[in-house]
Protein backbone atom coordinates (compact mmCIF):
# COMPACT_ATOMS: atom_id res chain seq x y z
CA MET A 1 30.77 45.87 -203.05
CA ALA A 2 32.70 48.57 -201.36
CA ASP A 3 35.14 50.48 -203.53
CA GLN A 4 38.74 50.37 -202.60
CA ILE A 5 40.69 53.44 -201.87
CA PRO A 6 43.19 53.61 -205.36
CA LYS A 7 46.78 54.10 -204.02
CA LEU A 8 47.59 57.19 -206.53
CA PRO A 9 51.29 57.00 -207.84
CA SER A 10 51.25 60.46 -208.68
CA LYS A 11 50.51 61.41 -204.64
CA ILE A 12 51.95 58.80 -202.87
CA ASP A 13 55.50 58.89 -204.50
CA ALA A 14 57.76 57.52 -201.70
CA THR A 15 60.84 59.09 -203.28
CA SER A 16 59.38 62.36 -203.76
CA THR A 17 61.07 65.23 -201.46
CA ARG A 18 58.11 66.16 -199.87
CA PHE A 19 57.07 62.70 -198.90
CA GLU A 20 60.52 61.59 -197.45
CA LYS A 21 60.57 65.54 -195.82
CA ASN A 22 57.18 64.52 -194.00
CA MET A 23 58.55 60.72 -193.23
CA ARG A 24 61.25 62.45 -191.26
CA ALA A 25 59.22 65.12 -189.54
CA MET A 26 56.71 62.65 -188.44
CA ALA A 27 59.57 60.25 -187.22
CA GLU A 28 60.71 63.09 -185.22
CA LEU A 29 57.49 63.92 -183.41
CA VAL A 30 56.63 60.13 -182.55
CA ALA A 31 60.52 59.88 -181.48
CA ALA A 32 60.22 62.61 -179.02
CA VAL A 33 56.91 61.59 -177.75
CA ARG A 34 58.37 57.95 -177.05
CA ASN A 35 61.31 59.25 -175.22
CA GLU A 36 59.24 60.97 -173.00
CA GLU A 37 56.82 58.16 -172.06
CA GLU A 38 60.16 56.29 -171.01
CA LYS A 39 60.77 59.08 -168.46
CA ILE A 40 57.26 59.33 -167.29
CA ARG A 41 57.08 55.10 -167.04
CA LEU A 42 60.01 55.74 -164.42
CA GLY A 43 57.55 57.02 -161.98
CA GLY A 44 58.93 58.59 -158.79
CA GLY A 45 62.59 57.44 -160.12
CA GLU A 46 65.11 54.65 -159.31
CA LYS A 47 65.53 55.38 -155.78
CA ALA A 48 61.66 55.19 -155.05
CA ILE A 49 61.68 51.67 -157.19
CA GLU A 50 64.39 50.55 -155.26
CA SER A 51 62.48 51.64 -152.00
CA GLN A 52 59.51 49.86 -153.16
CA HIS A 53 61.02 46.71 -153.77
CA ALA A 54 62.64 47.03 -150.31
CA LYS A 55 59.53 46.76 -149.10
CA LYS A 56 58.85 43.30 -150.99
CA ARG A 57 56.55 44.70 -153.16
CA LEU A 58 56.45 45.14 -156.76
CA THR A 59 55.98 48.65 -158.88
CA ALA A 60 52.48 49.15 -160.60
CA ARG A 61 54.07 48.46 -164.01
CA GLU A 62 55.38 45.21 -162.84
CA ARG A 63 52.31 44.06 -160.85
CA ILE A 64 50.32 44.98 -164.42
CA ASN A 65 53.11 43.08 -166.48
CA LEU A 66 52.25 39.75 -164.18
CA LEU A 67 48.89 40.25 -164.20
CA ILE A 68 47.90 40.43 -168.04
CA ASP A 69 48.08 37.55 -170.61
CA ARG A 70 51.57 37.09 -171.76
CA GLU A 71 52.30 38.02 -175.30
CA THR A 72 49.82 40.74 -174.95
CA GLU A 73 50.24 44.34 -174.59
CA PHE A 74 48.77 46.87 -172.06
CA PHE A 75 47.04 49.37 -173.79
CA GLU A 76 47.68 52.45 -171.42
CA LEU A 77 45.55 55.50 -171.24
CA GLY A 78 46.31 58.75 -169.48
CA LEU A 79 49.92 58.20 -169.51
CA TYR A 80 50.90 61.91 -169.56
CA ALA A 81 48.13 62.94 -166.99
CA ALA A 82 50.02 65.86 -165.02
CA TYR A 83 52.44 66.46 -167.32
CA GLU A 84 54.50 69.33 -166.43
CA MET A 85 52.44 69.84 -163.45
CA TYR A 86 52.61 70.23 -160.06
CA GLU A 87 56.66 70.84 -160.52
CA GLU A 88 56.47 72.74 -157.10
CA TRP A 89 55.86 69.41 -155.38
CA GLY A 90 58.53 67.52 -157.38
CA GLY A 91 56.19 66.91 -160.10
CA ALA A 92 53.59 63.74 -160.35
CA PRO A 93 54.41 61.41 -163.26
CA SER A 94 51.15 60.37 -164.70
CA ALA A 95 49.59 61.40 -161.75
CA GLY A 96 50.88 58.73 -159.74
CA VAL A 97 48.30 56.15 -160.99
CA VAL A 98 48.69 53.96 -164.17
CA THR A 99 45.36 53.41 -166.13
CA GLY A 100 44.44 51.16 -169.20
CA LEU A 101 43.00 48.14 -170.94
CA GLY A 102 44.71 45.16 -170.53
CA ARG A 103 43.43 41.09 -171.34
CA VAL A 104 43.46 38.92 -168.48
CA HIS A 105 42.25 35.25 -169.39
CA GLY A 106 41.55 36.86 -172.85
CA ARG A 107 39.23 39.48 -171.46
CA LEU A 108 39.46 43.08 -171.80
CA PHE A 109 39.56 44.66 -168.08
CA MET A 110 40.13 48.31 -167.31
CA LEU A 111 43.08 48.55 -165.19
CA ILE A 112 43.45 51.35 -162.09
CA VAL A 113 46.93 50.77 -160.41
CA ASN A 114 48.15 53.14 -157.83
CA ASP A 115 52.05 53.95 -158.24
CA ALA A 116 53.62 53.81 -154.78
CA THR A 117 56.70 55.31 -156.24
CA VAL A 118 55.22 58.73 -156.90
CA LYS A 119 54.35 60.48 -153.39
CA ALA A 120 53.51 57.17 -152.11
CA GLY A 121 50.72 56.70 -154.25
CA ALA A 122 48.82 59.92 -152.91
CA PHE A 123 46.04 61.43 -155.03
CA PHE A 124 47.10 64.82 -156.34
CA PRO A 125 43.87 66.57 -158.20
CA MET A 126 44.57 64.72 -161.67
CA THR A 127 44.98 61.55 -159.84
CA ALA A 128 41.35 61.76 -158.74
CA LYS A 129 40.38 62.75 -162.33
CA LYS A 130 42.34 60.17 -164.00
CA VAL A 131 40.85 57.43 -161.98
CA ILE A 132 37.51 58.93 -162.41
CA ARG A 133 38.32 59.06 -166.29
CA ALA A 134 39.08 55.34 -166.31
CA GLN A 135 35.75 54.74 -164.30
CA ASN A 136 33.75 56.39 -166.73
CA ILE A 137 35.13 54.74 -169.82
CA ALA A 138 34.43 51.39 -167.80
CA ILE A 139 31.17 52.36 -166.94
CA GLU A 140 30.20 53.69 -170.75
CA ASN A 141 31.66 50.58 -172.26
CA HIS A 142 30.73 48.01 -169.54
CA ILE A 143 34.45 46.94 -169.10
CA PRO A 144 35.15 44.95 -165.95
CA THR A 145 37.53 46.62 -163.63
CA ILE A 146 40.83 45.52 -161.73
CA TYR A 147 41.93 47.96 -159.11
CA LEU A 148 45.59 47.61 -157.31
CA VAL A 149 45.76 49.55 -154.27
CA ASP A 150 48.62 51.31 -152.82
CA SER A 151 47.98 54.82 -152.17
CA ALA A 152 48.67 56.95 -148.99
CA GLY A 153 45.15 58.40 -149.69
CA VAL A 154 44.89 62.23 -150.43
CA PHE A 155 47.89 64.57 -151.15
CA LEU A 156 47.48 66.87 -148.09
CA PRO A 157 48.50 70.12 -149.52
CA LEU A 158 46.26 70.36 -152.13
CA GLN A 159 43.03 68.62 -150.51
CA GLU A 160 40.86 71.41 -151.27
CA ASP A 161 41.49 70.67 -154.98
CA VAL A 162 40.87 66.68 -154.39
CA PHE A 163 38.41 66.54 -151.88
CA PRO A 164 34.55 68.32 -152.52
CA ASP A 165 33.72 68.35 -156.13
CA THR A 166 31.61 66.01 -158.42
CA ASP A 167 34.99 65.09 -160.38
CA ASP A 168 37.06 65.08 -156.97
CA PHE A 169 38.01 62.12 -154.76
CA GLY A 170 34.37 61.29 -153.28
CA ARG A 171 33.53 60.53 -157.11
CA VAL A 172 35.52 57.40 -157.35
CA PHE A 173 33.61 55.47 -154.57
CA ARG A 174 30.28 57.05 -156.17
CA ASN A 175 31.35 55.14 -159.28
CA ASN A 176 32.37 52.04 -157.66
CA ALA A 177 28.35 51.71 -156.42
CA VAL A 178 27.05 52.59 -159.68
CA MET A 179 29.48 50.36 -161.42
CA SER A 180 28.40 47.20 -159.07
CA ALA A 181 24.48 48.25 -159.31
CA MET A 182 25.03 48.03 -163.28
CA GLY A 183 26.91 44.52 -162.97
CA ILE A 184 30.04 45.50 -164.07
CA PRO A 185 32.46 43.24 -162.27
CA GLN A 186 35.08 44.78 -159.89
CA ILE A 187 37.98 43.15 -158.74
CA THR A 188 40.30 44.94 -156.21
CA ALA A 189 43.88 44.17 -154.32
CA ILE A 190 45.23 45.90 -151.36
CA MET A 191 48.88 45.62 -152.25
CA GLY A 192 50.16 48.33 -149.81
CA MET A 193 48.60 51.04 -147.89
CA CYS A 194 44.85 51.67 -148.06
CA VAL A 195 43.91 54.91 -145.67
CA ALA A 196 41.48 57.11 -144.92
CA GLY A 197 38.57 57.81 -147.21
CA GLY A 198 40.31 55.54 -149.82
CA ALA A 199 39.44 52.98 -147.99
CA TYR A 200 36.18 52.92 -149.55
CA LEU A 201 37.50 51.97 -153.04
CA PRO A 202 38.12 48.22 -152.31
CA VAL A 203 35.50 47.71 -149.73
CA MET A 204 32.82 48.69 -152.39
CA CYS A 205 34.15 46.51 -155.18
CA ASP A 206 32.70 42.60 -155.65
CA THR A 207 35.87 40.75 -154.98
CA ILE A 208 38.52 41.99 -152.59
CA LEU A 209 42.21 40.87 -152.26
CA MET A 210 44.81 41.59 -149.59
CA THR A 211 48.49 40.92 -149.29
CA GLU A 212 50.28 40.45 -145.96
CA GLY A 213 52.11 43.58 -144.79
CA SER A 214 49.68 45.92 -146.40
CA GLY A 215 47.09 48.01 -144.41
CA LEU A 216 43.55 48.88 -144.43
CA PHE A 217 42.02 51.48 -142.24
CA LEU A 218 39.95 54.35 -141.88
CA ALA A 219 42.70 56.19 -139.83
CA GLY A 220 46.44 54.81 -139.47
CA PRO A 221 48.06 54.24 -135.93
CA ALA A 222 49.27 57.96 -135.68
CA LEU A 223 46.12 59.41 -136.25
CA VAL A 224 43.89 57.05 -133.91
CA GLN A 225 46.42 57.76 -131.22
CA ALA A 226 46.11 61.45 -131.89
CA ALA A 227 42.14 61.47 -132.05
CA ILE A 228 41.42 58.87 -128.97
CA GLY A 229 44.56 58.23 -127.41
CA ALA A 230 44.53 54.69 -128.29
CA ARG A 231 48.03 53.15 -129.34
CA TYR A 232 47.46 50.23 -131.78
CA THR A 233 49.94 48.61 -134.56
CA ALA A 234 48.99 48.70 -137.99
CA GLU A 235 48.70 44.77 -138.27
CA GLU A 236 46.29 45.09 -135.18
CA LEU A 237 44.40 48.22 -136.48
CA GLY A 238 44.31 47.17 -140.34
CA GLY A 239 46.39 44.54 -141.39
CA ALA A 240 45.67 41.45 -143.65
CA GLN A 241 45.10 39.04 -140.94
CA MET A 242 42.80 40.96 -138.84
CA HIS A 243 40.68 41.71 -142.02
CA ALA A 244 40.48 37.91 -143.02
CA GLN A 245 40.00 36.53 -139.52
CA ILE A 246 38.24 39.10 -137.68
CA ALA A 247 36.58 42.02 -139.55
CA GLY A 248 35.85 39.69 -142.57
CA THR A 249 36.56 42.52 -144.78
CA ILE A 250 38.55 40.70 -147.39
CA ASP A 251 37.51 37.60 -149.63
CA TYR A 252 41.40 36.40 -149.90
CA ARG A 253 44.52 36.90 -147.65
CA GLU A 254 47.62 36.29 -149.69
CA PRO A 255 51.56 35.80 -148.81
CA ASN A 256 52.76 38.40 -151.63
CA ASP A 257 52.29 40.09 -154.81
CA HIS A 258 53.02 37.08 -157.21
CA ILE A 259 50.73 34.93 -155.67
CA CYS A 260 47.98 37.33 -155.08
CA LEU A 261 48.05 38.40 -158.88
CA GLU A 262 47.90 34.67 -159.72
CA ARG A 263 44.48 34.59 -157.55
CA ILE A 264 43.11 37.35 -159.56
CA ARG A 265 43.80 35.70 -162.75
CA SER A 266 42.27 32.47 -161.26
CA VAL A 267 39.05 34.56 -160.21
CA VAL A 268 38.92 36.11 -163.61
CA SER A 269 39.31 32.96 -165.52
CA LYS A 270 35.65 31.83 -163.94
CA LEU A 271 33.70 34.89 -164.60
CA GLY A 272 30.74 34.15 -166.59
CA HIS A 273 30.29 35.94 -170.23
CA LYS A 274 27.56 38.88 -170.66
CA PRO A 275 25.77 39.45 -174.12
CA THR A 276 27.80 42.25 -176.34
CA ALA A 277 26.53 44.91 -178.44
CA PRO A 278 24.46 44.22 -181.53
CA PHE A 279 27.18 46.13 -183.67
CA ASN A 280 28.17 44.53 -187.41
CA ARG A 281 31.56 42.63 -187.26
CA VAL A 282 33.08 39.74 -189.47
CA LYS A 283 36.12 38.51 -189.93
CA ALA A 284 38.92 41.11 -190.26
CA GLU A 285 40.77 41.73 -193.63
CA PRO A 286 44.12 42.98 -193.52
CA PRO A 287 45.18 46.90 -194.42
CA ALA A 288 45.61 46.87 -198.43
CA TYR A 289 48.77 49.73 -197.84
CA ALA A 290 51.51 49.99 -195.62
CA ALA A 291 50.80 51.92 -192.39
CA GLU A 292 54.33 53.39 -192.50
CA GLU A 293 53.28 55.49 -195.59
CA ILE A 294 51.05 57.56 -193.19
CA TYR A 295 54.01 59.34 -191.91
CA GLY A 296 55.00 60.62 -195.65
CA ILE A 297 51.34 61.11 -196.74
CA PHE A 298 50.41 63.61 -193.62
CA GLU A 299 51.12 67.44 -193.73
CA ALA A 300 51.62 68.73 -190.71
CA ASP A 301 51.88 72.18 -191.88
CA GLY A 302 48.23 73.22 -191.72
CA MET A 303 48.43 75.13 -195.07
CA ARG A 304 49.59 72.37 -197.25
CA PRO A 305 46.87 69.99 -198.51
CA TYR A 306 46.78 66.11 -198.71
CA ASP A 307 44.22 63.58 -199.73
CA MET A 308 42.18 62.41 -196.04
CA LYS A 309 41.12 59.40 -198.18
CA GLU A 310 44.79 58.35 -198.34
CA ILE A 311 45.14 58.32 -194.60
CA ILE A 312 41.67 56.31 -194.36
CA ALA A 313 43.17 53.95 -196.98
CA ARG A 314 45.72 52.68 -194.77
CA ILE A 315 43.17 52.26 -191.50
CA VAL A 316 40.36 50.69 -192.61
CA ASP A 317 40.12 46.95 -193.75
CA GLY A 318 41.31 46.23 -197.46
CA ALA A 319 41.21 49.81 -197.88
CA LYS A 320 37.44 49.42 -198.88
CA PHE A 321 35.39 52.38 -198.17
CA ASP A 322 31.35 53.21 -199.22
CA GLU A 323 31.74 56.90 -199.39
CA TYR A 324 28.51 58.60 -198.59
CA LYS A 325 27.32 61.85 -201.10
CA ALA A 326 30.84 61.66 -202.61
CA GLU A 327 30.22 64.22 -204.71
CA TYR A 328 28.48 66.92 -202.32
CA GLY A 329 29.77 68.65 -199.42
CA LYS A 330 33.43 67.48 -200.10
CA THR A 331 35.15 69.02 -197.35
CA VAL A 332 34.16 66.67 -194.99
CA ILE A 333 34.48 63.07 -196.09
CA CYS A 334 31.67 60.32 -195.21
CA GLY A 335 31.30 57.32 -195.65
CA LEU A 336 31.15 53.37 -194.36
CA ALA A 337 34.29 50.92 -194.00
CA ARG A 338 35.39 48.01 -191.61
CA ILE A 339 38.10 48.20 -188.89
CA GLY A 340 39.27 44.95 -187.47
CA GLY A 341 36.01 43.79 -188.83
CA PHE A 342 33.82 46.21 -187.27
CA ALA A 343 31.93 47.95 -189.48
CA VAL A 344 32.31 51.82 -188.97
CA GLY A 345 30.90 55.30 -189.99
CA ILE A 346 33.84 57.73 -190.75
CA VAL A 347 33.46 61.18 -190.68
CA ALA A 348 36.74 62.81 -191.60
CA ASN A 349 37.95 66.44 -192.60
CA GLN A 350 39.35 66.68 -196.16
CA ALA A 351 42.35 68.58 -196.18
CA SER A 352 42.20 69.09 -199.95
CA PRO A 353 40.61 72.20 -201.82
CA ALA A 354 37.51 70.97 -203.55
CA GLN A 355 35.28 72.21 -206.53
CA GLN A 356 31.75 72.96 -205.33
CA THR A 357 28.73 74.13 -207.48
CA ASP A 358 26.90 77.05 -205.90
CA PRO A 359 23.10 75.78 -205.58
CA SER A 360 21.70 79.73 -206.30
CA THR A 361 23.80 80.44 -209.07
CA GLY A 362 25.27 77.40 -210.62
CA ALA A 363 28.77 78.99 -210.57
CA LYS A 364 31.93 76.93 -209.67
CA ARG A 365 33.51 77.70 -206.62
CA VAL A 366 36.77 76.15 -204.84
CA GLU A 367 36.42 75.29 -201.40
CA PHE A 368 39.20 75.42 -198.75
CA GLY A 369 40.65 72.35 -197.32
CA ARG A 370 40.14 71.48 -193.42
CA VAL A 371 37.19 73.85 -193.58
CA ILE A 372 33.35 72.84 -193.06
CA TYR A 373 31.28 74.53 -195.14
CA THR A 374 27.32 74.45 -195.36
CA GLU A 375 26.77 71.40 -197.59
CA SER A 376 29.32 69.42 -195.88
CA ALA A 377 27.91 70.18 -192.56
CA GLU A 378 24.21 68.86 -193.59
CA LYS A 379 25.73 65.81 -195.43
CA ALA A 380 27.77 64.62 -192.09
CA ALA A 381 24.72 65.78 -189.95
CA ARG A 382 22.59 63.18 -192.34
CA PHE A 383 25.19 60.49 -192.27
CA ILE A 384 25.73 60.50 -188.48
CA MET A 385 21.59 60.19 -188.29
CA ASP A 386 22.02 57.34 -190.71
CA CYS A 387 24.55 55.33 -188.54
CA ASN A 388 22.60 55.84 -185.46
CA GLN A 389 19.38 54.54 -187.12
CA ASN A 390 21.53 51.35 -188.52
CA LEU A 391 23.62 50.62 -185.33
CA VAL A 392 26.83 51.78 -187.13
CA PRO A 393 29.79 53.32 -184.43
CA LEU A 394 31.19 56.34 -185.50
CA LEU A 395 34.90 57.34 -185.88
CA PHE A 396 35.87 60.99 -186.37
CA LEU A 397 39.25 61.82 -187.88
CA HIS A 398 39.75 65.67 -187.27
CA ASP A 399 42.21 68.15 -189.12
CA VAL A 400 39.90 71.07 -189.28
CA ASN A 401 40.33 74.76 -189.03
CA GLY A 402 36.60 75.59 -188.26
CA PHE A 403 33.51 76.56 -190.50
CA MET A 404 33.39 78.79 -192.77
CA VAL A 405 33.14 82.53 -192.16
CA GLY A 406 31.78 85.62 -194.40
CA ARG A 407 28.88 87.06 -195.96
CA ASP A 408 28.32 84.31 -198.71
CA ALA A 409 28.69 81.48 -195.53
CA GLU A 410 26.58 83.37 -193.56
CA TRP A 411 23.74 83.81 -196.31
CA SER A 412 24.18 79.98 -196.86
CA GLY A 413 22.93 79.41 -193.54
CA ILE A 414 26.09 78.06 -191.88
CA ILE A 415 24.91 78.58 -188.46
CA LYS A 416 21.90 76.35 -189.26
CA ALA A 417 23.98 73.57 -190.98
CA GLY A 418 26.69 73.68 -188.03
CA ALA A 419 23.77 73.48 -185.65
CA LYS A 420 22.28 70.51 -187.25
CA MET A 421 25.78 68.75 -187.13
CA VAL A 422 26.44 69.28 -183.90
CA ASN A 423 23.01 68.36 -182.69
CA ALA A 424 23.42 64.77 -184.36
CA VAL A 425 26.71 64.29 -182.67
CA ALA A 426 25.53 65.17 -179.22
CA ASN A 427 22.46 63.00 -179.74
CA SER A 428 24.46 60.32 -181.10
CA VAL A 429 23.50 56.93 -179.01
CA VAL A 430 26.22 54.75 -180.62
CA PRO A 431 30.10 54.30 -179.84
CA LYS A 432 31.62 57.52 -180.94
CA ILE A 433 35.88 57.07 -181.01
CA THR A 434 37.82 60.75 -181.99
CA VAL A 435 41.20 60.57 -183.59
CA ILE A 436 42.96 64.16 -183.53
CA ILE A 437 45.62 63.64 -186.27
CA GLY A 438 46.28 67.78 -187.11
CA GLY A 439 44.47 70.81 -186.32
CA SER A 440 41.11 70.63 -184.12
CA PHE A 441 40.14 74.20 -183.70
CA GLY A 442 36.80 76.00 -182.54
CA ALA A 443 33.61 75.08 -183.39
CA GLY A 444 35.19 72.53 -185.86
CA HIS A 445 36.33 70.68 -182.77
CA TYR A 446 32.88 70.60 -181.52
CA ALA A 447 31.03 69.38 -184.47
CA MET A 448 33.91 66.24 -185.18
CA CYS A 449 32.73 64.95 -181.77
CA GLY A 450 35.11 66.84 -179.42
CA LYS A 451 35.94 65.99 -175.50
CA ALA A 452 32.67 67.63 -174.71
CA TYR A 453 30.54 65.41 -176.81
CA ASP A 454 31.32 62.14 -174.95
CA PRO A 455 33.42 60.29 -177.76
CA ARG A 456 34.15 57.11 -175.70
CA PHE A 457 37.95 57.54 -176.42
CA VAL A 458 39.98 60.37 -177.73
CA PHE A 459 43.33 59.93 -179.33
CA ALA A 460 45.75 62.18 -180.98
CA TRP A 461 49.00 61.93 -183.19
CA PRO A 462 51.95 63.60 -182.21
CA SER A 463 51.18 66.38 -184.99
CA ALA A 464 47.96 67.15 -183.37
CA ARG A 465 46.84 71.03 -182.44
CA TYR A 466 44.49 71.20 -179.97
CA ALA A 467 42.58 74.81 -179.33
CA VAL A 468 40.05 77.54 -180.27
CA MET A 469 42.36 78.56 -182.98
CA SER A 470 45.83 77.93 -184.74
CA GLY A 471 48.89 79.41 -182.58
CA ALA A 472 49.40 82.06 -185.66
CA ALA A 473 45.65 83.39 -185.52
CA ALA A 474 45.57 83.67 -181.77
CA ALA A 475 48.94 85.71 -181.52
CA GLY A 476 47.81 87.86 -184.38
CA THR A 477 44.70 88.59 -182.47
CA LEU A 478 46.00 88.97 -179.07
CA VAL A 479 49.02 91.11 -180.27
CA GLU A 480 46.49 93.55 -181.80
CA ILE A 481 44.74 94.00 -178.92
CA LYS A 482 47.71 94.48 -176.65
CA ILE A 483 48.81 97.06 -179.21
CA LYS A 484 45.76 98.82 -179.01
CA GLN A 485 45.80 98.78 -175.05
CA LEU A 486 49.51 100.20 -175.19
CA GLU A 487 48.77 102.93 -177.86
CA ARG A 488 45.63 104.39 -175.77
CA GLY A 489 48.38 104.66 -173.08
CA GLY A 490 50.42 106.90 -175.41
CA LYS A 491 53.20 103.98 -176.15
CA LYS A 492 54.35 103.16 -179.65
CA LEU A 493 56.03 99.77 -180.58
CA SER A 494 58.36 99.70 -183.13
CA GLU A 495 58.31 96.51 -185.76
CA GLN A 496 61.03 94.95 -183.78
CA ASP A 497 58.87 95.34 -180.85
CA ARG A 498 55.87 93.95 -182.30
CA LYS A 499 57.79 90.82 -183.99
CA GLU A 500 58.89 89.83 -180.38
CA LEU A 501 55.51 90.58 -178.96
CA PHE A 502 53.89 88.06 -181.75
CA ASP A 503 56.61 85.57 -181.02
CA ALA A 504 56.51 85.54 -177.24
CA THR A 505 52.74 85.14 -177.61
CA LYS A 506 52.47 82.50 -180.52
CA ALA A 507 55.05 80.68 -178.51
CA THR A 508 53.05 80.08 -175.64
CA TYR A 509 50.02 79.49 -177.55
CA ASP A 510 51.82 76.95 -179.56
CA HIS A 511 52.74 75.40 -176.21
CA GLN A 512 49.08 75.21 -175.20
CA THR A 513 47.94 73.70 -178.24
CA ASP A 514 50.58 70.75 -178.20
CA PRO A 515 48.57 67.62 -177.49
CA ARG A 516 50.88 66.40 -174.35
CA TYR A 517 49.19 69.76 -172.77
CA GLY A 518 45.81 68.27 -173.22
CA ALA A 519 47.04 65.02 -172.59
CA ALA A 520 48.11 66.08 -169.24
CA ARG A 521 44.64 67.74 -168.43
CA LEU A 522 42.86 64.55 -169.69
CA TRP A 523 41.23 65.91 -172.70
CA ILE A 524 43.42 63.47 -174.58
CA ASP A 525 43.12 59.79 -173.39
CA LYS A 526 46.20 58.51 -175.56
CA ILE A 527 48.82 60.13 -178.03
CA ILE A 528 49.18 57.35 -180.43
CA ASP A 529 52.02 56.60 -183.40
CA PRO A 530 50.11 57.29 -186.80
CA MET A 531 51.11 53.91 -187.68
CA GLU A 532 49.22 52.54 -184.58
CA THR A 533 45.92 54.19 -185.11
CA ARG A 534 44.45 51.33 -186.99
CA GLN A 535 45.16 48.83 -183.74
CA ALA A 536 44.15 51.51 -181.48
CA LEU A 537 40.93 51.78 -182.83
CA ILE A 538 40.28 48.02 -182.91
CA THR A 539 41.10 47.80 -179.12
CA ALA A 540 38.45 50.46 -178.87
CA LEU A 541 35.95 49.14 -180.73
CA GLU A 542 36.38 46.07 -178.62
CA ALA A 543 35.97 47.99 -175.85
CA ALA A 544 32.90 49.28 -177.08
CA ALA A 545 31.21 46.44 -177.96
CA LEU A 546 31.19 45.12 -174.32
CA ASN A 547 28.00 47.15 -173.87
CA PRO A 548 24.98 45.72 -175.56
CA GLU A 549 22.60 48.45 -174.56
CA VAL A 550 21.79 51.02 -177.12
CA ARG A 551 19.25 53.63 -176.10
CA GLU A 552 16.73 55.34 -178.73
CA PHE A 553 18.21 57.68 -181.21
CA LYS A 554 16.38 60.88 -181.02
CA VAL A 555 17.48 64.38 -182.13
CA GLY A 556 15.30 66.91 -181.10
CA VAL A 557 14.41 70.22 -182.73
CA LEU A 558 16.67 70.38 -185.97
CA GLN A 559 17.29 73.79 -187.59
CA THR A 560 15.84 73.76 -191.27
């Protein structure tokens, strides 16, 4: 029987000054993120929305709201894509495309919906990468996918960064073909313009719908006239009636957006169900403690300790946790729990200092929280392999400064132990989900299943920090290098000059470690409210469970 993580009054005192200060700090971070998200959701702005309505077309988010089941929420991914990017072109809120998970007749779908209020839905470099990320999530998890197409095609001023590479525009159509071959259902509706290379996307899907007034052509009327000197109307060249009656391209011709979305729902209601994954799931048990207490427990200041088990207790079912090797390698917490009824293996960084016995001398030593030591890495590697052997999905909770350094660490074999942990993470075959709640720095980020190690989903709290090292550490290093360069040139800096250089460098680096910076570049799929962590993980686990295929687990050569 799993042990329930106790709620320790000495540590969780909602009346303490520190608890209340943490509550306010996290609430302010969450509010700032939510306010920015509301602005991003306006897409191209009120005038662009009015223009879309004048064409008797709905906006991307209006279409999604009508498509998904009532009383369900759209789990948006990549909202911050292209945040603070392309400002010389007027910006591209959310990269001009809305992606995420939604339920249609109770089934989970990946939705990929062009936002025509942003540069007519044109593809910026990050637009292509965002669509491809959504497709990759669908491929990894076998999620059926619905595309709502309303796009002018490639944003021509930036075509060199959109067109040719393996993670650019053409990969979208390659993924269409791969998904079809894998038996992942794809339904597409052309609800506006669909031109040039972008015309391949809907035609490579299983089911194609098109609304009146939309256009589907490899070249529009102006380009056709320029290329071959012939004049045709848009309807004659690639309208819905032509594609329904003459070319036979589409399966359903619908008069407007509303009826088209109803037709999609009707088609979805008749799809068959395929086998799901072999992961263990039982009826969910509600959390034992209030989720809002996370705000007060978590310490955003990377120097202050807190007990990560208290965070885990507010995420897992009934606060029940089978801790693995609880008395060994304490700076990484490992154990089994359930989230939404799903069995999961949790690997988390402990942010409190821990006492460890030196295996060589028998002496007691105190190990820093948020640091991975040799014993912790070896324990985590073994636990990760156990979870793969027993078909248990893995959850990684990040608040890590990196691996321990110094002579004692090197003599203890920290590099070998770290390599073992990285090997186990890299070769895992069960679903991996990553949540960055605090710092995620250096090689610790890799060992805890950073983006490069193929987690199915990467979530981050607004308090997350994501870089090679912390802002203060990086600024200190960079400033020292700069000072030495200046001194070699014969220039001496005053203390005030040094401080100004340090502050400016740190500000730049801190900006780049902000989770919004990472989310803008799709290193993070979604910035989540800490109180919503449990529900986000349940949605991710439900998506992962759609894929019944689990490869044979092999780790190759392990360092010993």
